[in-house]
Amino acid sequence: MILLRAVPPELVHGVASGLYKVTGSVVRDVASGRGVGFLQETGMLQTILSSVMNSGGNPVVGFANLGLGAASVIQNQQIKSRLAEIQSSLVMLQNLQLGTLAVAGLGLGVSVVGFSIMLKRLKGIEAHLGTIEAKIANVTSDRRADDVRMIFADVGTQLDTVDTLSARSNKVSSAEAAEQTLAISAGRLEAHFQQKSDSMQNVAITAADLDLLWSLAAAIRLCHEAGLRALFTIDELEAAKQLAERRAQRFLNLSQSLTPDALARLCSQGAPDTIYYAEARRLALPQAEVLVQGLRDSVAAISSQSELAQNLIKKQISGPAYLKDLESEKEEPLLILPA
């Protein structure tokens, strides 16, 4: 390994005690705000996760399945008590939202999942969108659903390209073309997200409307992960750094007009009286909170990817060498790169 190491016990204890905190994939000293290391998922973790999914695990279904905040599940609920188990026995996988991970990914460092898992995530989002369409009025009238399907077809093609880059003789031009196409697809999905978000501001909405935003955001995140992987493959770390910074800002822009309370109130607008209004708002609030928090967690995760690229540049570690170490790891599901 270049500089990647198994997560040390002192870091686990530091997070548990509050000495350190995890922001995105960066482990920071709470007192100084200084980054002490970068958490990084490996191919081993994805292999185990895929095995669990295919062996009859019980993934969480419905809205939570399309989670952007899989990293936050680890960071906020699991990291303090389970990080040691992640690096040793993976017992914690039994308690994670496996459906969430399969669709949205961990977001810890650079994604190293293979084509089959990335395509499964894309198909999962697409299938979920199909169930949402019937619940939302006027979906077909503006041809939004047809356009989203075409975008997903483009994304699927580029996922295949990214997964085979290392075997291509023209990997630089192929990677650049794939990253650009994925960026265009993400931009088109952002336009759909913004259009839907804007149209929701002054009308009564339903849980399906929130679910649609969540699904679009998960697809945008997938485009970003694949594009970043392409840039790492051809050692365009400076470009990866700059693009991650911009994309984090774009996710922030998507979330800025959304607040859990406002969304919950819009979900309760059609209630016939104050009692039903209060109950509808209470029921919608958790879903609204998950949506907004998921978007904000994505900002943190993508920002930390920019920091990771900068750290590799400083340490003179190439993107391909970094990916090679991750893909070849057979024992540790989670590693750390010291800052």
Protein backbone atom coordinates (compact mmCIF):
# COMPACT_ATOMS: atom_id res chain seq x y z
CA MET A 1 0.00 0.00 0.00
CA ILE A 2 1.18 3.54 -0.69
CA LEU A 3 0.10 5.35 2.46
CA LEU A 4 -3.28 3.76 3.08
CA ARG A 5 -3.56 1.94 6.40
CA ALA A 6 -6.11 0.02 8.41
CA VAL A 7 -8.14 2.30 10.66
CA PRO A 8 -6.12 2.52 13.91
CA PRO A 9 -7.74 1.95 17.32
CA GLU A 10 -6.75 5.41 18.52
CA LEU A 11 -8.81 6.99 15.75
CA VAL A 12 -11.78 4.83 16.64
CA HIS A 13 -11.44 5.85 20.29
CA GLY A 14 -10.99 9.49 19.31
CA VAL A 15 -14.23 9.52 17.36
CA ALA A 16 -16.04 7.72 20.16
CA SER A 17 -14.77 10.20 22.76
CA GLY A 18 -15.54 13.29 20.69
CA LEU A 19 -11.89 14.18 20.14
CA TYR A 20 -12.45 13.68 16.40
CA LYS A 21 -15.47 14.03 14.16
CA VAL A 22 -16.18 12.74 10.66
CA THR A 23 -17.23 15.23 7.97
CA GLY A 24 -17.85 13.57 4.66
CA SER A 25 -14.93 11.18 4.60
CA VAL A 26 -12.55 13.46 6.50
CA VAL A 27 -11.69 12.71 10.12
CA ARG A 28 -11.08 16.04 11.84
CA ASP A 29 -9.70 17.14 15.16
CA VAL A 30 -12.63 18.88 16.86
CA ALA A 31 -10.52 21.47 18.67
CA SER A 32 -8.51 22.70 15.68
CA GLY A 33 -10.67 21.62 12.75
CA ARG A 34 -7.56 20.08 11.20
CA GLY A 35 -8.05 16.96 9.08
CA VAL A 36 -6.13 13.97 10.45
CA GLY A 37 -7.07 11.46 7.76
CA PHE A 38 -9.45 10.38 5.02
CA LEU A 39 -11.68 7.33 5.35
CA GLN A 40 -11.77 5.29 2.15
CA GLU A 41 -13.97 2.35 1.24
CA THR A 42 -12.27 -0.51 -0.61
CA GLY A 43 -13.33 -3.07 -3.17
CA MET A 44 -13.49 -5.55 -0.30
CA LEU A 45 -16.36 -3.68 1.34
CA GLN A 46 -18.32 -3.57 -1.90
CA THR A 47 -17.71 -7.29 -2.50
CA ILE A 48 -19.04 -8.13 0.94
CA LEU A 49 -21.98 -5.78 0.57
CA SER A 50 -22.88 -7.29 -2.80
CA SER A 51 -22.64 -10.77 -1.29
CA VAL A 52 -24.95 -9.82 1.55
CA MET A 53 -27.45 -8.32 -0.88
CA ASN A 54 -27.43 -11.43 -3.06
CA SER A 55 -27.71 -13.88 -0.20
CA GLY A 56 -31.17 -12.92 0.96
CA GLY A 57 -30.43 -9.92 3.17
CA ASN A 58 -33.40 -7.77 4.10
CA PRO A 59 -32.68 -4.36 2.57
CA VAL A 60 -34.72 -1.41 3.70
CA VAL A 61 -37.34 -0.66 1.06
CA GLY A 62 -39.26 2.41 -0.06
CA PHE A 63 -38.09 5.95 0.42
CA ALA A 64 -35.04 5.13 2.51
CA ASN A 65 -33.70 2.78 -0.18
CA LEU A 66 -32.55 5.69 -2.32
CA GLY A 67 -30.47 7.24 0.41
CA LEU A 68 -27.89 9.87 -0.36
CA GLY A 69 -26.89 9.78 3.27
CA ALA A 70 -25.44 6.28 3.53
CA ALA A 71 -22.20 7.81 4.72
CA SER A 72 -24.09 9.65 7.43
CA VAL A 73 -25.59 6.36 8.61
CA ILE A 74 -22.06 5.28 9.37
CA GLN A 75 -20.84 8.62 10.59
CA ASN A 76 -23.73 9.61 12.80
CA GLN A 77 -25.11 6.33 14.04
CA GLN A 78 -22.45 3.69 13.54
CA ILE A 79 -19.01 5.31 13.60
CA LYS A 80 -18.78 5.81 17.35
CA SER A 81 -19.54 2.24 18.32
CA ARG A 82 -18.98 0.23 15.16
CA LEU A 83 -15.90 1.53 13.36
CA ALA A 84 -13.69 -1.10 14.94
CA GLU A 85 -16.09 -3.79 13.78
CA ILE A 86 -16.08 -2.43 10.23
CA GLN A 87 -12.35 -2.97 10.00
CA SER A 88 -12.34 -6.38 11.66
CA SER A 89 -15.50 -8.47 11.37
CA LEU A 90 -18.08 -6.40 9.44
CA VAL A 91 -20.72 -7.36 11.97
CA MET A 92 -22.11 -3.87 11.59
CA LEU A 93 -23.31 -4.71 8.07
CA GLN A 94 -26.15 -6.65 9.66
CA ASN A 95 -27.53 -3.41 11.07
CA LEU A 96 -26.92 -1.03 8.18
CA GLN A 97 -29.59 -0.04 5.72
CA LEU A 98 -28.35 -2.42 3.04
CA GLY A 99 -30.81 -1.22 0.45
CA THR A 100 -29.56 2.31 0.96
CA LEU A 101 -25.96 1.28 0.45
CA ALA A 102 -26.73 -0.76 -2.66
CA VAL A 103 -28.46 2.16 -4.35
CA ALA A 104 -26.54 5.18 -3.12
CA GLY A 105 -23.09 3.96 -2.17
CA LEU A 106 -21.09 4.83 0.89
CA GLY A 107 -19.58 8.08 -0.33
CA LEU A 108 -16.40 7.45 1.65
CA GLY A 109 -13.56 8.60 -0.59
CA VAL A 110 -13.56 7.58 -4.24
CA SER A 111 -16.07 4.94 -5.32
CA VAL A 112 -14.38 1.73 -6.47
CA VAL A 113 -17.50 -0.30 -7.16
CA GLY A 114 -17.70 -2.32 -10.34
CA PHE A 115 -20.07 -1.83 -13.25
CA SER A 116 -22.58 -4.42 -12.04
CA ILE A 117 -23.12 -2.69 -8.69
CA MET A 118 -23.23 0.80 -10.18
CA LEU A 119 -25.71 -0.36 -12.80
CA LYS A 120 -27.80 -2.04 -10.09
CA ARG A 121 -27.92 1.28 -8.24
CA LEU A 122 -28.98 3.10 -11.40
CA LYS A 123 -31.64 0.52 -12.23
CA GLY A 124 -32.88 0.64 -8.65
CA ILE A 125 -33.37 4.39 -8.86
CA GLU A 126 -35.04 4.08 -12.26
CA ALA A 127 -37.43 1.38 -11.06
CA HIS A 128 -38.28 3.43 -8.00
CA LEU A 129 -39.05 6.43 -10.16
CA GLY A 130 -41.48 4.26 -12.09
CA THR A 131 -43.48 3.62 -8.93
CA ILE A 132 -43.51 7.33 -8.14
CA GLU A 133 -44.84 8.44 -11.53
CA ALA A 134 -48.29 7.03 -10.96
CA LYS A 135 -48.60 9.00 -7.74
CA ILE A 136 -47.81 12.42 -9.17
CA ALA A 137 -50.18 14.29 -11.46
CA ASN A 138 -49.10 15.67 -14.85
CA VAL A 139 -45.90 13.64 -15.01
CA THR A 140 -46.35 12.61 -18.62
CA SER A 141 -47.74 15.94 -19.81
CA ASP A 142 -44.38 17.69 -19.55
CA ARG A 143 -42.50 14.61 -20.81
CA ARG A 144 -40.28 14.71 -17.76
CA ALA A 145 -40.40 10.95 -17.20
CA ASP A 146 -39.38 10.18 -20.80
CA ASP A 147 -36.46 12.59 -20.62
CA VAL A 148 -35.26 11.12 -17.32
CA ARG A 149 -35.32 7.63 -18.85
CA MET A 150 -33.19 8.84 -21.75
CA ILE A 151 -30.74 10.40 -19.31
CA PHE A 152 -30.51 7.14 -17.38
CA ALA A 153 -29.77 5.25 -20.62
CA ASP A 154 -26.88 7.65 -21.31
CA VAL A 155 -25.58 7.26 -17.76
CA GLY A 156 -25.69 3.45 -18.01
CA THR A 157 -23.54 3.56 -21.15
CA GLN A 158 -20.97 5.78 -19.48
CA LEU A 159 -20.84 3.59 -16.37
CA ASP A 160 -19.73 0.74 -18.63
CA THR A 161 -17.05 2.96 -20.15
CA VAL A 162 -15.72 4.06 -16.76
CA ASP A 163 -15.57 0.47 -15.51
CA THR A 164 -13.42 -0.63 -18.48
CA LEU A 165 -11.06 2.35 -18.62
CA SER A 166 -8.04 0.48 -17.27
CA ALA A 167 -8.30 -2.00 -20.16
CA ARG A 168 -8.58 0.64 -22.90
CA SER A 169 -5.66 1.75 -25.04
CA ASN A 170 -7.21 5.21 -25.41
CA LYS A 171 -8.14 5.57 -21.76
CA VAL A 172 -7.47 9.32 -21.55
CA SER A 173 -9.82 10.32 -24.34
CA SER A 174 -12.39 7.73 -23.23
CA ALA A 175 -12.28 8.94 -19.61
CA GLU A 176 -12.57 12.58 -20.61
CA ALA A 177 -15.52 11.86 -22.89
CA ALA A 178 -17.25 9.74 -20.22
CA GLU A 179 -16.75 12.39 -17.53
CA GLN A 180 -18.10 15.12 -19.78
CA THR A 181 -21.15 13.06 -20.74
CA LEU A 182 -21.84 12.19 -17.09
CA ALA A 183 -21.52 15.89 -16.20
CA ILE A 184 -24.06 16.77 -18.89
CA SER A 185 -26.42 14.06 -17.59
CA ALA A 186 -26.03 15.37 -14.05
CA GLY A 187 -26.81 18.88 -15.27
CA ARG A 188 -29.99 17.70 -16.99
CA LEU A 189 -31.05 15.86 -13.84
CA GLU A 190 -30.32 18.99 -11.78
CA ALA A 191 -32.63 20.94 -14.08
CA HIS A 192 -35.42 18.42 -13.43
CA PHE A 193 -34.72 18.63 -9.69
CA GLN A 194 -34.81 22.43 -9.71
CA GLN A 195 -37.96 22.55 -11.83
CA LYS A 196 -39.73 20.18 -9.46
CA SER A 197 -38.41 21.98 -6.39
CA ASP A 198 -39.54 25.36 -7.72
CA SER A 199 -43.01 24.09 -8.62
CA MET A 200 -43.46 22.73 -5.08
CA GLN A 201 -42.92 26.02 -3.28
CA ASN A 202 -46.48 27.30 -3.39
CA VAL A 203 -48.70 24.25 -3.88
CA ALA A 204 -49.79 21.29 -1.82
CA ILE A 205 -47.44 18.35 -2.29
CA THR A 206 -47.34 14.69 -1.32
CA ALA A 207 -44.76 12.24 -0.01
CA ALA A 208 -44.29 11.09 -3.62
CA ASP A 209 -43.06 14.57 -4.56
CA LEU A 210 -40.39 14.39 -1.87
CA ASP A 211 -39.52 10.89 -3.03
CA LEU A 212 -39.04 12.17 -6.57
CA LEU A 213 -36.57 14.82 -5.42
CA TRP A 214 -34.70 12.20 -3.40
CA SER A 215 -34.46 9.87 -6.40
CA LEU A 216 -33.22 12.58 -8.75
CA ALA A 217 -30.61 13.65 -6.22
CA ALA A 218 -29.39 10.05 -5.83
CA ALA A 219 -28.99 9.80 -9.62
CA ILE A 220 -27.05 13.10 -9.71
CA ARG A 221 -24.77 11.76 -6.98
CA LEU A 222 -24.16 8.57 -8.97
CA CYS A 223 -23.12 10.61 -12.03
CA HIS A 224 -20.66 12.54 -9.89
CA GLU A 225 -19.13 9.40 -8.36
CA ALA A 226 -18.58 7.79 -11.76
CA GLY A 227 -17.15 10.99 -13.25
CA LEU A 228 -14.74 11.40 -10.35
CA ARG A 229 -13.62 7.80 -10.75
CA ALA A 230 -12.87 8.49 -14.45
CA LEU A 231 -10.68 11.48 -13.57
CA PHE A 232 -8.77 9.50 -10.94
CA THR A 233 -8.17 6.74 -13.48
CA ILE A 234 -6.29 9.11 -15.80
CA ASP A 235 -4.60 11.00 -12.95
CA GLU A 236 -6.46 14.26 -13.48
CA LEU A 237 -6.43 15.02 -9.77
CA GLU A 238 -6.41 18.80 -10.09
CA ALA A 239 -9.47 18.63 -12.33
CA ALA A 240 -11.10 16.21 -9.87
CA LYS A 241 -10.41 18.64 -7.04
CA GLN A 242 -11.89 21.63 -8.84
CA LEU A 243 -14.92 19.79 -10.17
CA ALA A 244 -15.70 18.32 -6.74
CA GLU A 245 -15.63 21.82 -5.27
CA ARG A 246 -18.07 23.06 -7.91
CA ARG A 247 -20.37 20.07 -7.61
CA ALA A 248 -20.52 20.39 -3.85
CA GLN A 249 -21.65 23.97 -4.38
CA ARG A 250 -24.28 22.80 -6.87
CA PHE A 251 -25.66 20.32 -4.34
CA LEU A 252 -25.70 23.11 -1.80
CA ASN A 253 -27.65 25.28 -4.23
CA LEU A 254 -30.19 22.49 -4.74
CA SER A 255 -30.78 22.25 -1.01
CA GLN A 256 -30.78 25.92 -0.04
CA SER A 257 -34.43 26.62 -0.85
CA LEU A 258 -35.59 23.47 0.96
CA THR A 259 -36.23 23.22 4.68
CA PRO A 260 -37.84 20.26 6.46
CA ASP A 261 -40.48 22.43 8.15
CA ALA A 262 -41.53 24.20 4.94
CA LEU A 263 -41.76 20.91 3.03
CA ALA A 264 -43.78 19.28 5.80
CA ARG A 265 -46.18 22.24 5.80
CA LEU A 266 -46.65 21.93 2.03
CA CYS A 267 -47.44 18.24 2.48
CA SER A 268 -50.22 19.14 4.89
CA GLN A 269 -51.82 21.96 2.88
CA GLY A 270 -54.67 19.83 1.61
CA ALA A 271 -55.82 18.86 5.11
CA PRO A 272 -59.51 19.69 5.77
CA ASP A 273 -59.01 21.06 9.29
CA THR A 274 -56.36 21.92 11.84
CA ILE A 275 -56.31 18.46 13.40
CA TYR A 276 -55.63 16.73 10.09
CA TYR A 277 -53.17 19.48 9.17
CA ALA A 278 -51.11 18.90 12.31
CA GLU A 279 -51.13 15.13 11.82
CA ALA A 280 -50.17 15.36 8.14
CA ARG A 281 -47.33 17.72 9.00
CA ARG A 282 -46.11 15.39 11.73
CA LEU A 283 -46.09 12.42 9.37
CA ALA A 284 -44.30 14.28 6.57
CA LEU A 285 -41.61 15.90 8.71
CA PRO A 286 -39.29 12.84 9.07
CA GLN A 287 -39.23 12.27 5.31
CA ALA A 288 -38.57 15.96 4.68
CA GLU A 289 -35.75 15.91 7.22
CA VAL A 290 -34.14 12.89 5.54
CA LEU A 291 -34.31 14.57 2.14
CA VAL A 292 -32.75 17.84 3.26
CA GLN A 293 -30.15 16.13 5.43
CA GLY A 294 -29.27 13.79 2.57
CA LEU A 295 -28.58 16.74 0.30
CA ARG A 296 -26.44 18.42 2.94
CA ASP A 297 -24.55 15.20 3.64
CA SER A 298 -23.83 14.98 -0.08
CA VAL A 299 -22.30 18.45 0.05
CA ALA A 300 -19.97 17.29 2.85
CA ALA A 301 -19.08 14.04 1.08
CA ILE A 302 -18.27 15.72 -2.24
CA SER A 303 -16.31 18.51 -0.53
CA SER A 304 -14.21 15.89 1.22
CA GLN A 305 -13.44 14.31 -2.16
CA SER A 306 -11.94 17.63 -3.24
CA GLU A 307 -9.80 17.62 -0.10
CA LEU A 308 -8.74 14.04 -0.83
CA ALA A 309 -7.60 14.94 -4.35
CA GLN A 310 -5.61 17.88 -2.95
CA ASN A 311 -4.00 15.61 -0.36
CA LEU A 312 -2.93 13.11 -3.02
CA ILE A 313 -1.44 15.91 -5.10
CA LYS A 314 0.52 17.13 -2.07
CA LYS A 315 1.79 13.62 -1.33
CA GLN A 316 2.60 13.04 -5.02
CA ILE A 317 0.37 9.96 -5.16
CA SER A 318 -1.13 9.35 -8.58
CA GLY A 319 -4.83 8.67 -9.07
CA PRO A 320 -4.26 5.31 -10.81
CA ALA A 321 -1.91 4.13 -8.04
CA TYR A 322 -4.46 5.11 -5.41
CA LEU A 323 -7.25 3.23 -7.18
CA LYS A 324 -5.04 0.19 -7.73
CA ASP A 325 -4.38 -0.12 -4.02
CA LEU A 326 -8.07 0.15 -3.22
CA GLU A 327 -9.19 -2.35 -5.83
CA SER A 328 -6.55 -4.89 -4.79
CA GLU A 329 -7.33 -4.73 -1.04
CA LYS A 330 -8.63 -8.12 0.07
CA GLU A 331 -8.72 -7.86 3.86
CA GLU A 332 -9.76 -4.40 5.07
CA PRO A 333 -13.13 -3.00 4.00
CA LEU A 334 -12.25 0.48 5.25
CA LEU A 335 -8.87 2.18 5.17
CA ILE A 336 -7.52 5.56 6.16
CA LEU A 337 -5.14 7.87 4.32
CA PRO A 338 -3.29 10.06 6.86
CA ALA A 339 -3.65 13.75 6.12
